[in-house]
């Protein structure tokens, strides 16, 4: 039996209809009593379509990590629909590991397997309680007229590290593997290809244009850096010195 829940994501309350108890419980940490501004309810067609896509992807890629249960398929579709629902409110979902240090947010973004989670773990080891993880995989970025915030969301990757919290976003860091630890500030034009590839996109042209405009505004407001690192224990120290200059 379907259940409704209103969740607040990046400051926007959304009513979500869940068909499975598991996904209702999954969203509980973000529940709010605020009046919803939007509504998300996957249809039978939505779930059938995404289930077919996931089966095709699993078979073509040989990816058997996830059993395609009703819970998993619905969870996948809920994330996608929520991300697109939030775009008109100035919110992007970025593939990144995001943390807050001393009250300011940092997003480390790169293709999967580069070491985003490992680098964030090194920050927690180096700086201890000064670091709070916001989301280890898919944080939300809220772009306002005069401020940008990095925000938590329920989906947080295989490690499940997330906090229902937000912080002013001070920097976006594109992460690369390197022999030595080096950090440098880069231009918006240099950062854009990475940010574009790591932002959840849409096949809907109207929404895609809004996403591109939000990415432009984001890169106009937030400094970007390139960090080449070897994942040694001094990597976060090098990064922090460069970011706090």
C-alpha atoms as a PDB file:
ATOM      1  CA  UNK A   1       0.000   0.000   0.000  1.00  0.00           C
ATOM      2  CA  UNK A   2       1.448   3.373  -1.063  1.00  0.00           C
ATOM      3  CA  UNK A   3       2.436   5.832   1.655  1.00  0.00           C
ATOM      4  CA  UNK A   4       3.074   9.581   1.383  1.00  0.00           C
ATOM      5  CA  UNK A   5       5.915  11.390   3.077  1.00  0.00           C
ATOM      6  CA  UNK A   6       7.019  15.015   2.840  1.00  0.00           C
ATOM      7  CA  UNK A   7      10.799  15.386   2.801  1.00  0.00           C
ATOM      8  CA  UNK A   8      12.883  18.545   2.797  1.00  0.00           C
ATOM      9  CA  UNK A   9      15.810  18.389   0.387  1.00  0.00           C
ATOM     10  CA  UNK A  10      18.154  21.375   0.066  1.00  0.00           C
ATOM     11  CA  UNK A  11      15.473  23.545   1.638  1.00  0.00           C
ATOM     12  CA  UNK A  12      12.617  22.417  -0.624  1.00  0.00           C
ATOM     13  CA  UNK A  13       9.754  20.336   0.847  1.00  0.00           C
ATOM     14  CA  UNK A  14       8.554  17.662  -1.581  1.00  0.00           C
ATOM     15  CA  UNK A  15       5.708  15.196  -1.161  1.00  0.00           C
ATOM     16  CA  UNK A  16       6.828  11.714  -2.189  1.00  0.00           C
ATOM     17  CA  UNK A  17       4.598   8.690  -2.726  1.00  0.00           C
ATOM     18  CA  UNK A  18       6.379   5.414  -1.895  1.00  0.00           C
ATOM     19  CA  UNK A  19       4.999   2.027  -2.882  1.00  0.00           C
ATOM     20  CA  UNK A  20       7.367   0.110  -0.626  1.00  0.00           C
ATOM     21  CA  UNK A  21       7.765   0.385   3.126  1.00  0.00           C
ATOM     22  CA  UNK A  22      11.551   0.210   2.740  1.00  0.00           C
ATOM     23  CA  UNK A  23      11.738   3.385   0.656  1.00  0.00           C
ATOM     24  CA  UNK A  24       9.359   5.207   2.984  1.00  0.00           C
ATOM     25  CA  UNK A  25      11.705   4.358   5.864  1.00  0.00           C
ATOM     26  CA  UNK A  26      14.722   5.291   3.709  1.00  0.00           C
ATOM     27  CA  UNK A  27      13.412   8.861   3.424  1.00  0.00           C
ATOM     28  CA  UNK A  28      12.359   9.278   7.076  1.00  0.00           C
ATOM     29  CA  UNK A  29      15.566  11.059   8.084  1.00  0.00           C
ATOM     30  CA  UNK A  30      14.561  13.988   5.857  1.00  0.00           C
ATOM     31  CA  UNK A  31      10.882  14.155   6.838  1.00  0.00           C
ATOM     32  CA  UNK A  32       9.385  17.602   7.484  1.00  0.00           C
ATOM     33  CA  UNK A  33       6.024  19.009   8.537  1.00  0.00           C
ATOM     34  CA  UNK A  34       6.335  21.888   6.047  1.00  0.00           C
ATOM     35  CA  UNK A  35       3.786  22.233   3.263  1.00  0.00           C
ATOM     36  CA  UNK A  36       5.138  20.615   0.083  1.00  0.00           C
ATOM     37  CA  UNK A  37       6.062  22.732  -2.918  1.00  0.00           C
ATOM     38  CA  UNK A  38       6.277  19.766  -5.305  1.00  0.00           C
ATOM     39  CA  UNK A  39       5.054  16.197  -5.711  1.00  0.00           C
ATOM     40  CA  UNK A  40       6.861  13.027  -6.844  1.00  0.00           C
ATOM     41  CA  UNK A  41       5.010   9.797  -7.600  1.00  0.00           C
ATOM     42  CA  UNK A  42       6.512   7.270 -10.046  1.00  0.00           C
ATOM     43  CA  UNK A  43       3.896   5.646 -12.263  1.00  0.00           C
ATOM     44  CA  UNK A  44       3.706   2.010 -13.314  1.00  0.00           C
ATOM     45  CA  UNK A  45       5.192   3.044 -16.654  1.00  0.00           C
ATOM     46  CA  UNK A  46       8.072   4.871 -14.944  1.00  0.00           C
ATOM     47  CA  UNK A  47       8.973   1.822 -12.865  1.00  0.00           C
ATOM     48  CA  UNK A  48       8.652  -0.591 -15.785  1.00  0.00           C
ATOM     49  CA  UNK A  49      10.862   1.624 -17.954  1.00  0.00           C
ATOM     50  CA  UNK A  50      13.612   2.080 -15.370  1.00  0.00           C
ATOM     51  CA  UNK A  51      13.471  -1.648 -14.503  1.00  0.00           C
ATOM     52  CA  UNK A  52      14.015  -2.529 -18.176  1.00  0.00           C
ATOM     53  CA  UNK A  53      16.902  -0.060 -18.394  1.00  0.00           C
ATOM     54  CA  UNK A  54      18.566  -1.458 -15.272  1.00  0.00           C
ATOM     55  CA  UNK A  55      18.218  -5.045 -16.510  1.00  0.00           C
ATOM     56  CA  UNK A  56      19.757  -4.072 -19.843  1.00  0.00           C
ATOM     57  CA  UNK A  57      22.580  -2.191 -18.112  1.00  0.00           C
ATOM     58  CA  UNK A  58      23.324  -5.063 -15.741  1.00  0.00           C
ATOM     59  CA  UNK A  59      23.407  -7.594 -18.591  1.00  0.00           C
ATOM     60  CA  UNK A  60      25.518  -5.419 -20.910  1.00  0.00           C
ATOM     61  CA  UNK A  61      27.983  -4.399 -18.192  1.00  0.00           C
ATOM     62  CA  UNK A  62      28.003  -7.686 -16.307  1.00  0.00           C
ATOM     63  CA  UNK A  63      27.133  -5.679 -13.197  1.00  0.00           C
ATOM     64  CA  UNK A  64      25.469  -7.997 -10.715  1.00  0.00           C
ATOM     65  CA  UNK A  65      25.961  -5.888  -7.570  1.00  0.00           C
ATOM     66  CA  UNK A  66      22.279  -5.037  -7.248  1.00  0.00           C
ATOM     67  CA  UNK A  67      19.359  -7.420  -7.321  1.00  0.00           C
ATOM     68  CA  UNK A  68      16.579  -5.678  -9.229  1.00  0.00           C
ATOM     69  CA  UNK A  69      13.908  -5.893  -6.566  1.00  0.00           C
ATOM     70  CA  UNK A  70      10.847  -3.638  -6.481  1.00  0.00           C
ATOM     71  CA  UNK A  71      12.539  -1.716  -3.652  1.00  0.00           C
ATOM     72  CA  UNK A  72      15.733  -1.096  -5.606  1.00  0.00           C
ATOM     73  CA  UNK A  73      13.958  -0.094  -8.828  1.00  0.00           C
ATOM     74  CA  UNK A  74      11.657   2.301  -6.988  1.00  0.00           C
ATOM     75  CA  UNK A  75      14.585   3.761  -5.029  1.00  0.00           C
ATOM     76  CA  UNK A  76      16.489   4.383  -8.261  1.00  0.00           C
ATOM     77  CA  UNK A  77      13.515   6.114  -9.881  1.00  0.00           C
ATOM     78  CA  UNK A  78      12.704   8.193  -6.805  1.00  0.00           C
ATOM     79  CA  UNK A  79      16.227   9.604  -6.761  1.00  0.00           C
ATOM     80  CA  UNK A  80      16.060  10.482 -10.446  1.00  0.00           C
ATOM     81  CA  UNK A  81      12.640  12.125 -10.238  1.00  0.00           C
ATOM     82  CA  UNK A  82      13.490  14.071  -7.095  1.00  0.00           C
ATOM     83  CA  UNK A  83      16.711  15.380  -8.642  1.00  0.00           C
ATOM     84  CA  UNK A  84      14.846  16.671 -11.694  1.00  0.00           C
ATOM     85  CA  UNK A  85      11.998  18.068  -9.576  1.00  0.00           C
ATOM     86  CA  UNK A  86      14.495  20.192  -7.631  1.00  0.00           C
ATOM     87  CA  UNK A  87      16.156  21.782 -10.689  1.00  0.00           C
ATOM     88  CA  UNK A  88      13.518  24.574 -11.079  1.00  0.00           C
ATOM     89  CA  UNK A  89      14.264  25.531  -7.461  1.00  0.00           C
ATOM     90  CA  UNK A  90      17.925  26.163  -8.271  1.00  0.00           C
ATOM     91  CA  UNK A  91      19.242  22.805  -7.075  1.00  0.00           C
ATOM     92  CA  UNK A  92      21.704  20.429  -8.750  1.00  0.00           C
ATOM     93  CA  UNK A  93      22.752  16.920  -7.767  1.00  0.00           C
ATOM     94  CA  UNK A  94      26.512  16.505  -8.089  1.00  0.00           C
ATOM     95  CA  UNK A  95      28.487  13.261  -8.075  1.00  0.00           C
ATOM     96  CA  UNK A  96      30.954  14.233  -5.365  1.00  0.00           C
ATOM     97  CA  UNK A  97      32.147  13.591  -1.849  1.00  0.00           C
ATOM     98  CA  UNK A  98      31.135  16.633   0.177  1.00  0.00           C
ATOM     99  CA  UNK A  99      32.249  17.644   3.634  1.00  0.00           C
ATOM    100  CA  UNK A 100      32.079  20.611   5.956  1.00  0.00           C
ATOM    101  CA  UNK A 101      35.189  21.862   7.741  1.00  0.00           C
ATOM    102  CA  UNK A 102      35.091  24.727  10.227  1.00  0.00           C
ATOM    103  CA  UNK A 103      31.628  25.671   8.956  1.00  0.00           C
ATOM    104  CA  UNK A 104      32.497  25.775   5.242  1.00  0.00           C
ATOM    105  CA  UNK A 105      31.673  23.196   2.571  1.00  0.00           C
ATOM    106  CA  UNK A 106      33.953  21.521   0.060  1.00  0.00           C
ATOM    107  CA  UNK A 107      32.950  19.213  -2.800  1.00  0.00           C
ATOM    108  CA  UNK A 108      35.484  16.763  -4.260  1.00  0.00           C
ATOM    109  CA  UNK A 109      34.300  15.621  -7.673  1.00  0.00           C
ATOM    110  CA  UNK A 110      35.738  13.210 -10.244  1.00  0.00           C
ATOM    111  CA  UNK A 111      34.734  10.083 -12.175  1.00  0.00           C
ATOM    112  CA  UNK A 112      34.003   6.956 -10.137  1.00  0.00           C
ATOM    113  CA  UNK A 113      37.092   5.139  -8.921  1.00  0.00           C
ATOM    114  CA  UNK A 114      39.312   8.222  -8.706  1.00  0.00           C
ATOM    115  CA  UNK A 115      39.365   8.256  -4.919  1.00  0.00           C
ATOM    116  CA  UNK A 116      36.838  10.858  -3.737  1.00  0.00           C
ATOM    117  CA  UNK A 117      35.713   8.805  -0.733  1.00  0.00           C
ATOM    118  CA  UNK A 118      39.286   7.884   0.153  1.00  0.00           C
ATOM    119  CA  UNK A 119      40.323  11.526   0.085  1.00  0.00           C
ATOM    120  CA  UNK A 120      37.406  12.546   2.320  1.00  0.00           C
ATOM    121  CA  UNK A 121      38.335   9.765   4.717  1.00  0.00           C
ATOM    122  CA  UNK A 122      41.878  11.190   4.887  1.00  0.00           C
ATOM    123  CA  UNK A 123      40.392  14.577   5.835  1.00  0.00           C
ATOM    124  CA  UNK A 124      38.452  12.980   8.694  1.00  0.00           C
ATOM    125  CA  UNK A 125      41.603  11.227   9.878  1.00  0.00           C
ATOM    126  CA  UNK A 126      43.729  14.380   9.610  1.00  0.00           C
ATOM    127  CA  UNK A 127      41.315  16.931  11.066  1.00  0.00           C
ATOM    128  CA  UNK A 128      39.073  14.846  13.313  1.00  0.00           C
ATOM    129  CA  UNK A 129      35.964  16.531  14.708  1.00  0.00           C
ATOM    130  CA  UNK A 130      36.552  19.649  12.613  1.00  0.00           C
ATOM    131  CA  UNK A 131      35.154  17.647   9.668  1.00  0.00           C
ATOM    132  CA  UNK A 132      31.499  16.694   9.205  1.00  0.00           C
ATOM    133  CA  UNK A 133      30.550  14.577   6.197  1.00  0.00           C
ATOM    134  CA  UNK A 134      27.583  15.995   4.287  1.00  0.00           C
ATOM    135  CA  UNK A 135      27.298  13.305   1.623  1.00  0.00           C
ATOM    136  CA  UNK A 136      29.852  10.859   0.274  1.00  0.00           C
ATOM    137  CA  UNK A 137      28.388  10.391  -3.202  1.00  0.00           C
ATOM    138  CA  UNK A 138      25.566  12.640  -4.438  1.00  0.00           C
ATOM    139  CA  UNK A 139      25.156  15.884  -2.459  1.00  0.00           C
ATOM    140  CA  UNK A 140      22.746  18.579  -3.545  1.00  0.00           C
ATOM    141  CA  UNK A 141      23.900  22.103  -4.407  1.00  0.00           C
ATOM    142  CA  UNK A 142      21.452  24.969  -3.833  1.00  0.00           C
ATOM    143  CA  UNK A 143      22.319  28.044  -5.867  1.00  0.00           C
ATOM    144  CA  UNK A 144      20.764  31.236  -4.556  1.00  0.00           C
ATOM    145  CA  UNK A 145      21.109  34.817  -5.777  1.00  0.00           C
ATOM    146  CA  UNK A 146      23.992  35.669  -3.436  1.00  0.00           C
ATOM    147  CA  UNK A 147      25.012  32.333  -1.921  1.00  0.00           C
ATOM    148  CA  UNK A 148      25.631  28.670  -2.716  1.00  0.00           C
ATOM    149  CA  UNK A 149      25.073  25.817  -0.271  1.00  0.00           C
ATOM    150  CA  UNK A 150      26.129  22.163  -0.300  1.00  0.00           C
ATOM    151  CA  UNK A 151      23.371  20.002   1.188  1.00  0.00           C
ATOM    152  CA  UNK A 152      22.790  16.432   2.270  1.00  0.00           C
ATOM    153  CA  UNK A 153      20.393  13.951   0.712  1.00  0.00           C
ATOM    154  CA  UNK A 154      19.349  10.352   1.500  1.00  0.00           C
ATOM    155  CA  UNK A 155      21.341   8.803  -1.346  1.00  0.00           C
ATOM    156  CA  UNK A 156      24.978   8.528  -0.303  1.00  0.00           C
ATOM    157  CA  UNK A 157      26.673   5.739  -2.274  1.00  0.00           C
ATOM    158  CA  UNK A 158      27.980   2.380  -1.201  1.00  0.00           C
ATOM    159  CA  UNK A 159      29.416   3.652   2.094  1.00  0.00           C
ATOM    160  CA  UNK A 160      26.170   5.283   3.196  1.00  0.00           C
ATOM    161  CA  UNK A 161      27.944   8.278   4.750  1.00  0.00           C
ATOM    162  CA  UNK A 162      25.599  11.255   4.919  1.00  0.00           C
ATOM    163  CA  UNK A 163      24.228  13.924   7.232  1.00  0.00           C
ATOM    164  CA  UNK A 164      21.010  15.890   6.907  1.00  0.00           C
ATOM    165  CA  UNK A 165      22.935  19.153   6.988  1.00  0.00           C
ATOM    166  CA  UNK A 166      24.119  21.999   4.784  1.00  0.00           C
ATOM    167  CA  UNK A 167      26.999  24.463   4.632  1.00  0.00           C
ATOM    168  CA  UNK A 168      28.069  27.408   2.477  1.00  0.00           C
ATOM    169  CA  UNK A 169      30.016  25.951  -0.429  1.00  0.00           C
ATOM    170  CA  UNK A 170      33.498  27.479  -0.434  1.00  0.00           C
ATOM    171  CA  UNK A 171      35.129  25.430  -3.210  1.00  0.00           C
ATOM    172  CA  UNK A 172      34.665  22.697  -5.782  1.00  0.00           C
ATOM    173  CA  UNK A 173      37.745  20.509  -6.156  1.00  0.00           C
ATOM    174  CA  UNK A 174      38.273  18.325  -9.217  1.00  0.00           C
ATOM    175  CA  UNK A 175      40.264  15.334  -8.109  1.00  0.00           C
ATOM    176  CA  UNK A 176      42.963  13.540 -10.121  1.00  0.00           C
ATOM    177  CA  UNK A 177      45.466  10.866  -9.188  1.00  0.00           C
ATOM    178  CA  UNK A 178      49.033  12.107  -9.137  1.00  0.00           C
ATOM    179  CA  UNK A 179      52.539  11.127  -8.082  1.00  0.00           C
ATOM    180  CA  UNK A 180      52.805  14.160  -5.809  1.00  0.00           C
ATOM    181  CA  UNK A 181      50.171  16.130  -3.920  1.00  0.00           C
ATOM    182  CA  UNK A 182      49.551  19.428  -5.708  1.00  0.00           C
ATOM    183  CA  UNK A 183      46.643  21.863  -5.729  1.00  0.00           C
ATOM    184  CA  UNK A 184      45.978  24.859  -7.959  1.00  0.00           C
ATOM    185  CA  UNK A 185      43.077  27.186  -8.577  1.00  0.00           C
ATOM    186  CA  UNK A 186      41.506  26.757 -12.024  1.00  0.00           C
ATOM    187  CA  UNK A 187      39.111  28.827 -14.091  1.00  0.00           C
ATOM    188  CA  UNK A 188      35.408  28.168 -14.511  1.00  0.00           C
ATOM    189  CA  UNK A 189      36.090  27.162 -18.115  1.00  0.00           C
ATOM    190  CA  UNK A 190      38.597  24.531 -16.963  1.00  0.00           C
ATOM    191  CA  UNK A 191      36.257  23.209 -14.282  1.00  0.00           C
ATOM    192  CA  UNK A 192      33.114  23.110 -16.421  1.00  0.00           C
ATOM    193  CA  UNK A 193      33.760  19.842 -18.342  1.00  0.00           C
ATOM    194  CA  UNK A 194      34.263  17.926 -15.088  1.00  0.00           C
ATOM    195  CA  UNK A 195      31.325  19.546 -13.312  1.00  0.00           C
ATOM    196  CA  UNK A 196      29.064  18.973 -16.318  1.00  0.00           C
ATOM    197  CA  UNK A 197      29.945  15.279 -16.545  1.00  0.00           C
ATOM    198  CA  UNK A 198      29.447  14.765 -12.811  1.00  0.00           C
ATOM    199  CA  UNK A 199      26.104  16.601 -12.561  1.00  0.00           C
ATOM    200  CA  UNK A 200      22.917  14.574 -12.909  1.00  0.00           C
ATOM    201  CA  UNK A 201      21.529  15.519 -16.317  1.00  0.00           C
ATOM    202  CA  UNK A 202      18.225  15.086 -18.125  1.00  0.00           C
ATOM    203  CA  UNK A 203      17.043  14.012 -21.542  1.00  0.00           C
ATOM    204  CA  UNK A 204      14.405  16.725 -21.329  1.00  0.00           C
ATOM    205  CA  UNK A 205      15.750  19.707 -23.292  1.00  0.00           C
ATOM    206  CA  UNK A 206      13.938  22.288 -21.142  1.00  0.00           C
ATOM    207  CA  UNK A 207      15.351  20.858 -17.911  1.00  0.00           C
ATOM    208  CA  UNK A 208      18.812  20.403 -19.428  1.00  0.00           C
ATOM    209  CA  UNK A 209      18.940  24.101 -20.330  1.00  0.00           C
ATOM    210  CA  UNK A 210      18.065  24.971 -16.734  1.00  0.00           C
ATOM    211  CA  UNK A 211      20.820  22.644 -15.503  1.00  0.00           C
ATOM    212  CA  UNK A 212      23.366  24.299 -17.785  1.00  0.00           C
ATOM    213  CA  UNK A 213      22.316  27.751 -16.573  1.00  0.00           C
ATOM    214  CA  UNK A 214      22.624  26.615 -12.956  1.00  0.00           C
ATOM    215  CA  UNK A 215      26.102  25.217 -13.629  1.00  0.00           C
ATOM    216  CA  UNK A 216      27.136  28.554 -15.129  1.00  0.00           C
ATOM    217  CA  UNK A 217      25.846  30.418 -12.077  1.00  0.00           C
ATOM    218  CA  UNK A 218      27.537  27.916  -9.771  1.00  0.00           C
ATOM    219  CA  UNK A 219      30.943  28.349 -11.393  1.00  0.00           C
ATOM    220  CA  UNK A 220      30.576  32.139 -11.359  1.00  0.00           C
ATOM    221  CA  UNK A 221      30.044  32.102  -7.594  1.00  0.00           C
ATOM    222  CA  UNK A 222      32.301  29.330  -6.274  1.00  0.00           C
ATOM    223  CA  UNK A 223      36.068  28.971  -6.646  1.00  0.00           C
ATOM    224  CA  UNK A 224      37.347  25.816  -8.342  1.00  0.00           C
ATOM    225  CA  UNK A 225      40.578  23.913  -7.797  1.00  0.00           C
ATOM    226  CA  UNK A 226      42.399  20.965  -9.335  1.00  0.00           C
ATOM    227  CA  UNK A 227      43.919  18.583  -6.812  1.00  0.00           C
ATOM    228  CA  UNK A 228      46.391  15.975  -7.952  1.00  0.00           C
ATOM    229  CA  UNK A 229      47.030  13.599  -5.080  1.00  0.00           C
ATOM    230  CA  UNK A 230      48.571  10.246  -4.251  1.00  0.00           C
ATOM    231  CA  UNK A 231      46.243   9.491  -1.304  1.00  0.00           C
ATOM    232  CA  UNK A 232      49.065   9.703   1.231  1.00  0.00           C
ATOM    233  CA  UNK A 233      48.356  11.060   4.701  1.00  0.00           C
ATOM    234  CA  UNK A 234      49.631  14.528   3.787  1.00  0.00           C
ATOM    235  CA  UNK A 235      47.176  14.893   0.852  1.00  0.00           C
ATOM    236  CA  UNK A 236      44.508  16.648   2.962  1.00  0.00           C
ATOM    237  CA  UNK A 237      47.143  18.970   4.457  1.00  0.00           C
ATOM    238  CA  UNK A 238      48.307  20.043   1.001  1.00  0.00           C
ATOM    239  CA  UNK A 239      44.697  20.474  -0.098  1.00  0.00           C
ATOM    240  CA  UNK A 240      43.749  22.492   2.970  1.00  0.00           C
ATOM    241  CA  UNK A 241      46.720  24.851   2.639  1.00  0.00           C
ATOM    242  CA  UNK A 242      45.777  25.544  -0.978  1.00  0.00           C
ATOM    243  CA  UNK A 243      42.067  25.964  -0.271  1.00  0.00           C
ATOM    244  CA  UNK A 244      42.523  28.279   2.690  1.00  0.00           C
ATOM    245  CA  UNK A 245      44.968  30.661   1.001  1.00  0.00           C
END
